[in-house]
Structure formats: structure tokens, C-alpha cells
Amino acid sequence: MENTYYRRIFNGCLFLVPALLLCTKNFSIGAILILLLTATWYLVKEKRNYTLDKIDWMVIIILSAYFIANIPIYLSDMETTRYFKGASRYLFIIPIYFFIRHIVTETTTPRKYLDWGIVVGAVGTIIIAIYQFYVKGMPRVDGYLYSINFGYLSCSLAFLALTLANSSHIKRILWLSFLLCSFATILTLTRGAIFAIPLLIFCSILFQSKQNRFRNALKIMSVMLVLFVIFYTVSSKFQERIDYTVTEFQRILSGDVRDAESSGGRIQLWYAATQSFIKSPLIGQTYAQREETIRQLYQAGKVSDWPTGVTRAHAHNQYFEMLASNGVLGILAFIALIFTPLFFFFKHIKMSTHALTGFIFVLGFSIFCLTEVPLEQNLISSFYGFILAVLINFTRNDLKHVQDSET
């Protein structure tokens, strides 16, 4: 009876997290908080002798590495707890992971709640996007977030829908949800998310389709190209964004990095981040030290004045940010947070639909991390950690089911 009660709470939160993700202001974090409190109560009350296996230890490392990597630099600074802003969210997911681990089995995997949550989330996302872009006439959709973060989350929601569709009882509705979220992503004009769409589609088909992979990938890419041309033709805002991007890359290729304000500015920040790493390779530099490093580079004529105005020397790249602020520990942390789950899911793609979903989900964020620092943002870090906990548990159950069927 108690397990049924706990499962109902989990099922409700599994639906609410994607459903409320982008159409409300942080309400999905509220659902995760409810689950955290429930999980903590369950684990304390049960007081079982839990035996940790390799997957459990892997999850603990994944979800704690970022926090641990920030401890030395915080102790060096002691002026702000911002270093733990996103990192602490992953720690809170650990009890949620173990809660899911013990109440969900291969016979009670609550996929329908996740599927319908994604559908409702997709509808809410496209309503917000259309209202802001076409009704209010905003240049870029941002929902209740920055346009960049909205773009990343809507893109990740799109590919949760796409990769879960083939094993779902609402396959066509999830396909439609994918299209809605993809369209919403485009309306944000977030280049890092838009450029990820064709790459993730290609990988989804490559690993999902057992037959005619090349032909299916070619068809989809052709359709995407046609849609791109149509959208470029009918949307002046999209056209301006693409033209701006092309101009920036032309300037960068010709050596005029400083004249490419957005992309060129990022490149200069990445360069400054490497210099911070060189100065403090073990634990990285504090925010104040990183700002000072940029000022020194400007005085030496190695960067323009634009990076000097960037608060906390924000690198606009997850990997360079962790390299600069956490040093070698940062490298270990992003290997744990991104590449470890990526390898885990890839290893089990042939045996688990949820492993494919997890692989594409993490792969998407590995691409997003090239142009921003999304895993520090509160909503994104909470959502990323939660979905990891869910999909790793679902994959575990798939593997157990396969093993049981073979014996």
C-alpha cells in the first residue's frame, strides 16, 4: 500500500516536470522539490541496508563531481556561493535517484506519465512561443527564461519526444510534440540549439533505425533542408540571424575575430579561460582573478575591450568555464557529468529504448555546452539531473528484463 502511495507521487512528478518545464516560471522545480522531500522521507523511514552496485556508484559520481570540483575554488574565494549555484542541484537528485531505484521495477515503469508530460509540455511551449513571437512581436522567444536557455530546453524536450515515440502508445502524438518543440526552438533564434537539431535527428535515426539507416537519414535531412529554406525565406528575423552568423564566421575565418562581436567575443573568452587554467591548473581561478586575467590580456593587446565588460569572465562555454574556474578538477567534473552518462547510454543502446533516449538527451547538452554554460542554470541543472536519474533507472530495468528473459 505504501509503495503504491509513493509510486503515485513519483508518477505525478514524472508528468509535471516536463509538463511545466517551459510554460510556467520554475514550477517544474517545485515538482522536483516535492519528489526530493518524498524521497528523503522514504529513504529515512525505510532504513534498509542498501547494497550499492556499479551503476549506483556511477550515478553518485556523476551527480556529485561538479559540487566537489567547486569546493577548492570556493575555499580560495570565500566571497560568493555562486560556484555551487548549479552544482548543488545535482546533489539533490541523488536521493531521488535511489527513490526511483527502489519503487520502480521493470513491470511498473511509468512511461505513460512521462510521455503525456512531454506532450503537455510541448503544447505549453509552443503556445508561449507563438504568443511571444507573433502576437507580442518579440524578436526572440524567451518564455520565463533567457532565449538561449528556452531554446536549449525546448530542443531537449523535442528529442525526448522523438526518441521515446517508437516505444510509446501515443507514438504519433509524440512525433507532433517533437515538431512543436522544434518549431519553438527555432523561434528562440538560439543558434546553439537550432544547429543541434539536424545533428541530433541524424544520430537518432542512425542508432534507432535497424534497416535503411542511410536512406532514412537522407530523407530526414532533405526535409530539414527544405524546411530551413522555407523558414529562411518567410521569416525576416530568422534570415537576419542566419546572415549575421554567416558574416561573423566570414570575419573569423579572415582573422578579424574582434569584429565578430558575438562569436568572436566567445572565442576571446575561451582564450582567456585557457590562460586562467594555465595560471592555476589544479583548482582554477576565482571570478575576480579571471576578470583580472582578461584585463591583463586586453592591456597586452591579445583581446579586445569587449571581454573586459563580461561579468565574472563568463566563458559562454561549459567546458571552458569549468576549465577556468575548476582547473583539472573541472575537466574531471565535466567528464563525469556529461561524458560518463553519454558512454553508459551508448553502451546499452541496442538493449534499451531508454538508453537511446538518454544518449540523445545527453548528446544534445554536450552540444549546447559548446556555446553556453547551461548546466549552471538552476532550472536546466535540475531538469538535466532529474531526467538522468529517470532514464538511468529505466535503462537499468530494461537491462534486467533482457537478462531475465535470457535465463
Protein backbone atom coordinates (compact mmCIF):
# COMPACT_ATOMS: atom_id res chain seq x y z
CA MET A 1 0.00 0.00 0.00
CA GLU A 2 2.82 2.41 0.90
CA ASN A 3 4.69 1.61 -2.30
CA THR A 4 1.54 2.41 -4.27
CA TYR A 5 1.32 5.77 -2.50
CA TYR A 6 4.97 6.57 -3.24
CA ARG A 7 4.60 5.48 -6.85
CA ARG A 8 1.65 7.83 -7.30
CA ILE A 9 3.74 10.75 -6.09
CA PHE A 10 6.53 9.78 -8.45
CA ASN A 11 4.13 9.32 -11.36
CA GLY A 12 2.64 12.76 -10.73
CA CYS A 13 6.05 14.43 -10.59
CA LEU A 14 7.23 12.50 -13.65
CA PHE A 15 4.31 14.06 -15.52
CA LEU A 16 4.63 17.54 -14.03
CA VAL A 17 8.36 18.12 -14.57
CA PRO A 18 8.23 18.13 -18.41
CA ALA A 19 4.65 19.44 -18.49
CA LEU A 20 5.51 22.59 -16.51
CA LEU A 21 9.08 22.99 -17.77
CA LEU A 22 8.69 25.95 -20.14
CA CYS A 23 5.11 27.15 -19.80
CA THR A 24 5.47 28.14 -16.13
CA LYS A 25 8.03 30.01 -14.08
CA ASN A 26 10.09 27.30 -12.36
CA PHE A 27 7.03 25.22 -11.37
CA SER A 28 8.80 22.08 -12.56
CA ILE A 29 11.45 22.73 -9.89
CA GLY A 30 8.58 22.67 -7.39
CA ALA A 31 7.66 19.18 -8.61
CA ILE A 32 11.28 18.06 -8.23
CA LEU A 33 11.34 19.55 -4.72
CA ILE A 34 8.21 17.57 -3.77
CA LEU A 35 9.89 14.44 -5.07
CA LEU A 36 13.07 15.28 -3.14
CA LEU A 37 11.16 15.60 0.13
CA THR A 38 9.25 12.39 -0.59
CA ALA A 39 12.44 10.55 -1.49
CA THR A 40 14.24 11.73 1.64
CA TRP A 41 11.31 10.70 3.83
CA TYR A 42 11.11 7.30 2.14
CA LEU A 43 14.84 6.55 2.43
CA VAL A 44 14.99 7.65 6.09
CA LYS A 45 11.79 5.84 7.08
CA GLU A 46 12.61 2.56 5.38
CA LYS A 47 16.16 2.37 6.81
CA ARG A 48 17.03 -0.57 4.59
CA ASN A 49 20.51 -1.95 4.13
CA TYR A 50 21.04 -0.74 0.59
CA THR A 51 23.69 -2.53 -1.45
CA LEU A 52 25.31 -0.25 -3.99
CA ASP A 53 26.22 -1.71 -7.38
CA LYS A 54 28.39 -0.25 -10.16
CA ILE A 55 25.56 1.78 -11.65
CA ASP A 56 24.73 3.29 -8.25
CA TRP A 57 28.33 4.37 -7.73
CA MET A 58 28.45 5.75 -11.24
CA VAL A 59 25.36 7.89 -10.56
CA ILE A 60 26.80 9.15 -7.27
CA ILE A 61 29.98 10.21 -9.08
CA ILE A 62 28.02 11.85 -11.92
CA LEU A 63 25.82 13.88 -9.59
CA SER A 64 28.46 14.88 -7.03
CA ALA A 65 31.51 15.58 -9.21
CA TYR A 66 30.57 19.16 -10.13
CA PHE A 67 29.93 20.09 -6.49
CA ILE A 68 33.19 18.54 -5.31
CA ALA A 69 35.15 20.29 -8.08
CA ASN A 70 33.89 23.66 -6.82
CA ILE A 71 34.92 23.19 -3.18
CA PRO A 72 38.62 24.19 -3.58
CA ILE A 73 37.89 27.34 -5.57
CA TYR A 74 35.16 28.36 -3.12
CA LEU A 75 37.57 27.95 -0.21
CA SER A 76 40.07 30.07 -2.14
CA ASP A 77 37.48 32.80 -2.74
CA MET A 78 35.03 32.66 0.22
CA GLU A 79 33.16 35.70 -1.15
CA THR A 80 30.31 34.08 -3.07
CA THR A 81 28.46 30.77 -3.08
CA ARG A 82 27.68 31.18 -6.79
CA TYR A 83 30.20 28.44 -7.52
CA PHE A 84 27.62 25.99 -6.15
CA LYS A 85 24.62 27.54 -7.93
CA GLY A 86 24.09 24.72 -10.39
CA ALA A 87 26.34 22.13 -8.79
CA SER A 88 24.21 21.81 -5.65
CA ARG A 89 21.13 20.86 -7.70
CA TYR A 90 22.80 17.64 -8.82
CA LEU A 91 23.44 16.59 -5.23
CA PHE A 92 19.71 16.91 -4.51
CA ILE A 93 18.98 14.45 -7.31
CA ILE A 94 20.92 11.64 -5.60
CA PRO A 95 18.17 10.68 -3.11
CA ILE A 96 15.62 10.99 -5.94
CA TYR A 97 17.65 8.52 -7.98
CA PHE A 98 17.66 5.96 -5.14
CA PHE A 99 13.96 6.56 -4.50
CA ILE A 100 13.17 5.76 -8.14
CA ARG A 101 15.58 2.83 -7.97
CA HIS A 102 13.60 1.14 -5.21
CA ILE A 103 9.97 1.88 -6.12
CA VAL A 104 10.07 1.40 -9.89
CA THR A 105 10.62 -2.07 -11.33
CA GLU A 106 10.67 -3.37 -14.88
CA THR A 107 7.00 -4.32 -14.51
CA THR A 108 5.87 -0.92 -13.22
CA THR A 109 7.86 1.51 -15.37
CA PRO A 110 5.52 4.54 -15.51
CA ARG A 111 6.32 5.56 -19.09
CA LYS A 112 2.84 6.88 -19.87
CA TYR A 113 3.21 9.67 -17.30
CA LEU A 114 6.50 10.80 -18.83
CA ASP A 115 5.07 10.60 -22.35
CA TRP A 116 1.97 12.64 -21.56
CA GLY A 117 4.03 15.11 -19.55
CA ILE A 118 6.18 15.73 -22.62
CA VAL A 119 3.06 16.20 -24.76
CA VAL A 120 1.53 18.74 -22.39
CA GLY A 121 4.90 20.45 -22.07
CA ALA A 122 5.21 20.67 -25.85
CA VAL A 123 1.76 22.26 -26.18
CA GLY A 124 2.52 24.78 -23.45
CA THR A 125 5.91 25.54 -25.00
CA ILE A 126 4.53 26.26 -28.48
CA ILE A 127 1.71 28.41 -27.07
CA ILE A 128 4.25 30.56 -25.22
CA ALA A 129 6.50 30.71 -28.28
CA ILE A 130 3.77 31.69 -30.75
CA TYR A 131 2.31 34.27 -28.37
CA GLN A 132 5.66 35.98 -27.76
CA PHE A 133 6.93 35.82 -31.35
CA TYR A 134 3.81 36.52 -33.40
CA VAL A 135 1.37 38.26 -31.02
CA LYS A 136 3.75 40.37 -28.93
CA GLY A 137 6.24 40.71 -31.77
CA MET A 138 9.25 39.87 -29.61
CA PRO A 139 12.47 39.44 -31.62
CA ARG A 140 13.30 36.19 -29.80
CA VAL A 141 11.17 33.86 -27.69
CA ASP A 142 12.37 33.58 -24.11
CA GLY A 143 9.34 32.39 -22.11
CA TYR A 144 10.18 32.90 -18.46
CA LEU A 145 13.92 32.42 -19.15
CA TYR A 146 16.63 33.82 -21.37
CA SER A 147 16.02 32.94 -25.02
CA ILE A 148 19.16 30.78 -25.04
CA ASN A 149 18.03 28.65 -22.10
CA PHE A 150 14.50 28.41 -23.51
CA GLY A 151 16.00 27.19 -26.77
CA TYR A 152 18.09 24.51 -25.10
CA LEU A 153 15.21 23.18 -23.01
CA SER A 154 12.69 23.18 -25.86
CA CYS A 155 15.22 21.34 -28.04
CA SER A 156 15.86 18.74 -25.32
CA LEU A 157 12.10 18.30 -24.83
CA ALA A 158 11.73 17.80 -28.59
CA PHE A 159 14.21 14.95 -28.67
CA LEU A 160 12.78 13.29 -25.58
CA ALA A 161 9.55 13.15 -27.58
CA LEU A 162 11.22 11.89 -30.76
CA THR A 163 13.30 9.13 -29.18
CA LEU A 164 10.53 7.87 -26.89
CA ALA A 165 7.92 7.82 -29.67
CA ASN A 166 8.65 4.39 -31.18
CA SER A 167 8.17 2.59 -27.86
CA SER A 168 5.14 4.65 -26.81
CA HIS A 169 1.39 4.03 -27.03
CA ILE A 170 1.00 7.62 -28.25
CA LYS A 171 3.64 7.49 -30.97
CA ARG A 172 2.05 9.99 -33.39
CA ILE A 173 1.28 12.49 -30.65
CA LEU A 174 4.91 12.41 -29.54
CA TRP A 175 6.05 12.95 -33.13
CA LEU A 176 3.81 16.01 -33.26
CA SER A 177 5.25 17.14 -29.92
CA PHE A 178 8.71 16.87 -31.44
CA LEU A 179 7.70 19.16 -34.31
CA LEU A 180 6.08 21.68 -31.96
CA CYS A 181 9.13 21.90 -29.71
CA SER A 182 11.49 22.08 -32.69
CA PHE A 183 9.49 24.99 -34.08
CA ALA A 184 9.57 26.70 -30.69
CA THR A 185 13.34 26.21 -30.61
CA ILE A 186 13.69 27.95 -33.97
CA LEU A 187 11.59 30.88 -32.73
CA THR A 188 14.14 31.49 -29.96
CA LEU A 189 16.79 32.09 -32.68
CA THR A 190 19.24 30.30 -30.38
CA ARG A 191 21.93 29.15 -32.77
CA GLY A 192 23.44 26.58 -30.42
CA ALA A 193 20.06 24.81 -30.16
CA ILE A 194 18.98 25.26 -33.80
CA PHE A 195 22.22 23.86 -35.22
CA ALA A 196 21.93 20.90 -32.84
CA ILE A 197 18.57 19.82 -34.30
CA PRO A 198 19.82 18.24 -37.57
CA LEU A 199 22.76 16.62 -35.78
CA LEU A 200 20.51 15.05 -33.16
CA ILE A 201 17.98 13.93 -35.79
CA PHE A 202 20.74 12.24 -37.74
CA CYS A 203 22.05 10.46 -34.62
CA SER A 204 18.53 9.46 -33.54
CA ILE A 205 17.88 7.78 -36.89
CA LEU A 206 21.35 6.29 -37.08
CA PHE A 207 21.01 4.47 -33.76
CA GLN A 208 17.26 3.85 -33.78
CA SER A 209 16.56 2.51 -37.27
CA LYS A 210 17.76 -1.04 -37.83
CA GLN A 211 17.16 -1.00 -41.57
CA ASN A 212 17.73 1.60 -44.28
CA ARG A 213 19.54 3.89 -41.85
CA PHE A 214 21.31 5.86 -44.54
CA ARG A 215 18.16 6.25 -46.65
CA ASN A 216 16.06 7.36 -43.67
CA ALA A 217 18.72 9.81 -42.53
CA LEU A 218 18.98 11.21 -46.06
CA LYS A 219 15.19 11.67 -46.26
CA ILE A 220 15.01 13.46 -42.94
CA MET A 221 17.95 15.70 -43.71
CA SER A 222 16.38 16.57 -47.07
CA VAL A 223 13.13 17.51 -45.35
CA MET A 224 15.04 19.58 -42.81
CA LEU A 225 16.88 21.38 -45.61
CA VAL A 226 13.61 22.20 -47.37
CA LEU A 227 12.08 23.47 -44.11
CA PHE A 228 15.18 25.55 -43.44
CA VAL A 229 14.93 27.19 -46.88
CA ILE A 230 11.21 27.86 -46.39
CA PHE A 231 11.69 29.36 -42.95
CA TYR A 232 14.65 31.41 -44.15
CA THR A 233 12.50 32.77 -46.98
CA VAL A 234 9.36 33.65 -44.99
CA SER A 235 10.91 34.84 -41.70
CA SER A 236 12.91 38.06 -41.86
CA LYS A 237 14.09 37.63 -38.25
CA PHE A 238 15.40 34.14 -38.93
CA GLN A 239 17.03 35.38 -42.14
CA GLU A 240 18.76 38.21 -40.28
CA ARG A 241 20.03 35.79 -37.63
CA ILE A 242 21.47 33.40 -40.22
CA ASP A 243 23.01 36.22 -42.26
CA TYR A 244 24.53 37.64 -39.07
CA THR A 245 26.01 34.22 -38.26
CA VAL A 246 27.46 33.81 -41.75
CA THR A 247 29.00 37.29 -41.60
CA GLU A 248 30.56 36.53 -38.21
CA PHE A 249 32.11 33.31 -39.44
CA GLN A 250 33.48 35.03 -42.53
CA ARG A 251 35.15 37.62 -40.31
CA ILE A 252 36.56 34.93 -38.01
CA LEU A 253 37.92 32.91 -40.95
CA SER A 254 39.56 36.05 -42.34
CA GLY A 255 41.24 36.69 -38.98
CA ASP A 256 39.01 39.56 -37.83
CA VAL A 257 37.93 37.84 -34.61
CA ARG A 258 37.41 41.11 -32.76
CA ASP A 259 34.92 42.36 -35.35
CA ALA A 260 32.71 39.29 -34.91
CA GLU A 261 31.09 40.59 -31.74
CA SER A 262 29.10 37.54 -30.63
CA SER A 263 31.05 34.53 -31.92
CA GLY A 264 34.36 36.42 -31.87
CA GLY A 265 33.69 37.56 -28.32
CA ARG A 266 33.13 33.96 -27.30
CA ILE A 267 36.41 32.89 -28.88
CA GLN A 268 38.22 35.60 -26.94
CA LEU A 269 36.56 34.46 -23.70
CA TRP A 270 37.60 30.88 -24.44
CA TYR A 271 41.16 32.03 -24.97
CA ALA A 272 41.04 33.94 -21.67
CA ALA A 273 39.71 30.81 -19.96
CA THR A 274 42.71 28.80 -21.16
CA GLN A 275 45.01 31.47 -19.74
CA SER A 276 43.22 31.21 -16.39
CA PHE A 277 43.76 27.46 -16.49
CA ILE A 278 47.46 27.91 -17.26
CA LYS A 279 47.83 30.25 -14.27
CA SER A 280 46.03 27.89 -11.89
CA PRO A 281 45.77 24.41 -13.45
CA LEU A 282 44.84 22.48 -10.33
CA ILE A 283 41.80 24.33 -8.95
CA GLY A 284 41.30 27.18 -11.44
CA GLN A 285 40.94 30.89 -10.74
CA THR A 286 38.32 32.80 -8.76
CA TYR A 287 35.91 35.08 -10.64
CA ALA A 288 37.92 38.15 -9.58
CA GLN A 289 41.18 36.55 -10.73
CA ARG A 290 39.63 35.61 -14.07
CA GLU A 291 38.44 39.19 -14.62
CA GLU A 292 41.94 40.40 -13.82
CA THR A 293 43.39 37.90 -16.31
CA ILE A 294 41.15 39.35 -19.04
CA ARG A 295 42.23 42.91 -18.17
CA GLN A 296 45.88 41.83 -18.45
CA LEU A 297 45.20 40.23 -21.83
CA TYR A 298 43.50 43.42 -23.01
CA GLN A 299 46.41 45.56 -21.88
CA ALA A 300 48.75 43.21 -23.73
CA GLY A 301 46.62 43.63 -26.88
CA LYS A 302 45.64 39.96 -27.01
CA VAL A 303 41.89 40.55 -26.68
CA SER A 304 39.56 43.46 -27.44
CA ASP A 305 37.84 45.56 -24.79
CA TRP A 306 34.58 43.59 -25.15
CA PRO A 307 35.58 40.65 -22.86
CA THR A 308 36.59 43.12 -20.10
CA GLY A 309 32.93 44.01 -19.63
CA VAL A 310 31.77 40.40 -19.14
CA THR A 311 30.71 39.79 -15.53
CA ARG A 312 32.73 37.10 -13.72
CA ALA A 313 34.61 36.46 -17.01
CA HIS A 314 31.71 34.18 -18.00
CA ALA A 315 33.16 31.91 -20.72
CA HIS A 316 29.93 31.20 -22.66
CA ASN A 317 31.09 27.59 -22.88
CA GLN A 318 30.54 24.92 -20.22
CA TYR A 319 33.86 23.21 -20.84
CA PHE A 320 35.99 26.36 -20.82
CA GLU A 321 34.05 27.73 -17.84
CA MET A 322 34.86 24.65 -15.77
CA LEU A 323 38.41 24.63 -17.08
CA ALA A 324 38.94 28.23 -15.91
CA SER A 325 37.10 28.02 -12.58
CA ASN A 326 37.92 24.45 -11.55
CA GLY A 327 41.13 23.54 -13.35
CA VAL A 328 41.91 19.83 -13.64
CA LEU A 329 39.04 19.13 -11.25
CA GLY A 330 36.76 20.84 -13.76
CA ILE A 331 37.93 18.51 -16.51
CA LEU A 332 37.16 15.51 -14.32
CA ALA A 333 33.79 17.03 -13.41
CA PHE A 334 32.54 17.56 -16.96
CA ILE A 335 33.79 14.11 -17.92
CA ALA A 336 31.65 12.75 -15.08
CA LEU A 337 28.63 14.97 -15.71
CA ILE A 338 28.47 14.69 -19.50
CA PHE A 339 30.68 12.00 -20.99
CA THR A 340 30.18 9.27 -18.38
CA PRO A 341 26.38 9.11 -18.83
CA LEU A 342 26.88 9.51 -22.59
CA PHE A 343 29.09 6.40 -22.63
CA PHE A 344 26.73 4.48 -20.30
CA PHE A 345 23.72 5.08 -22.53
CA PHE A 346 25.67 4.43 -25.74
CA LYS A 347 26.90 1.11 -24.37
CA HIS A 348 23.32 -0.13 -23.89
CA ILE A 349 21.56 1.40 -26.92
CA LYS A 350 20.95 -1.99 -28.57
CA MET A 351 19.23 -3.39 -25.48
CA SER A 352 17.21 -0.42 -24.26
CA THR A 353 14.97 2.19 -25.85
CA HIS A 354 15.55 4.39 -22.83
CA ALA A 355 19.31 4.15 -23.36
CA LEU A 356 18.83 5.67 -26.82
CA THR A 357 16.73 8.46 -25.32
CA GLY A 358 19.37 9.07 -22.66
CA PHE A 359 22.17 9.09 -25.23
CA ILE A 360 20.46 11.68 -27.46
CA PHE A 361 19.41 13.73 -24.42
CA VAL A 362 22.97 13.97 -23.07
CA LEU A 363 24.44 14.38 -26.56
CA GLY A 364 22.19 17.41 -27.02
CA PHE A 365 23.52 19.02 -23.86
CA SER A 366 27.09 18.20 -24.84
CA ILE A 367 26.44 20.32 -27.95
CA PHE A 368 24.65 23.09 -26.05
CA CYS A 369 27.65 23.31 -23.73
CA LEU A 370 29.81 24.48 -26.63
CA THR A 371 28.10 27.89 -26.79
CA GLU A 372 26.85 28.49 -23.23
CA VAL A 373 27.10 27.31 -19.63
CA PRO A 374 23.65 25.70 -19.32
CA LEU A 375 24.49 23.21 -16.57
CA GLU A 376 24.96 26.08 -14.10
CA GLN A 377 21.45 27.46 -14.61
CA ASN A 378 19.00 26.44 -11.86
CA LEU A 379 16.14 25.12 -13.99
CA ILE A 380 18.38 23.41 -16.51
CA SER A 381 20.59 21.74 -13.91
CA SER A 382 17.53 20.47 -12.01
CA PHE A 383 15.90 19.18 -15.21
CA TYR A 384 19.12 17.62 -16.54
CA GLY A 385 19.83 15.80 -13.26
CA PHE A 386 16.22 14.62 -12.89
CA ILE A 387 15.99 13.21 -16.43
CA LEU A 388 19.35 11.48 -15.96
CA ALA A 389 18.07 9.81 -12.78
CA VAL A 390 14.87 8.71 -14.53
CA LEU A 391 16.47 7.39 -17.72
CA ILE A 392 19.33 5.59 -15.96
CA ASN A 393 16.77 3.78 -13.79
CA PHE A 394 14.57 2.99 -16.78
CA THR A 395 17.60 1.68 -18.66
CA ARG A 396 18.58 -0.44 -15.66
CA ASN A 397 15.12 -2.01 -15.65
CA ASP A 398 15.31 -2.69 -19.40
CA LEU A 399 18.64 -4.46 -18.92
CA LYS A 400 17.26 -6.54 -16.06
CA HIS A 401 14.26 -7.50 -18.18
CA VAL A 402 16.57 -8.63 -21.00
CA GLN A 403 18.70 -10.66 -18.59
CA ASP A 404 15.64 -12.31 -17.04
CA SER A 405 14.25 -13.22 -20.45
CA GLU A 406 17.55 -14.85 -21.44
CA THR A 407 17.68 -17.05 -18.33
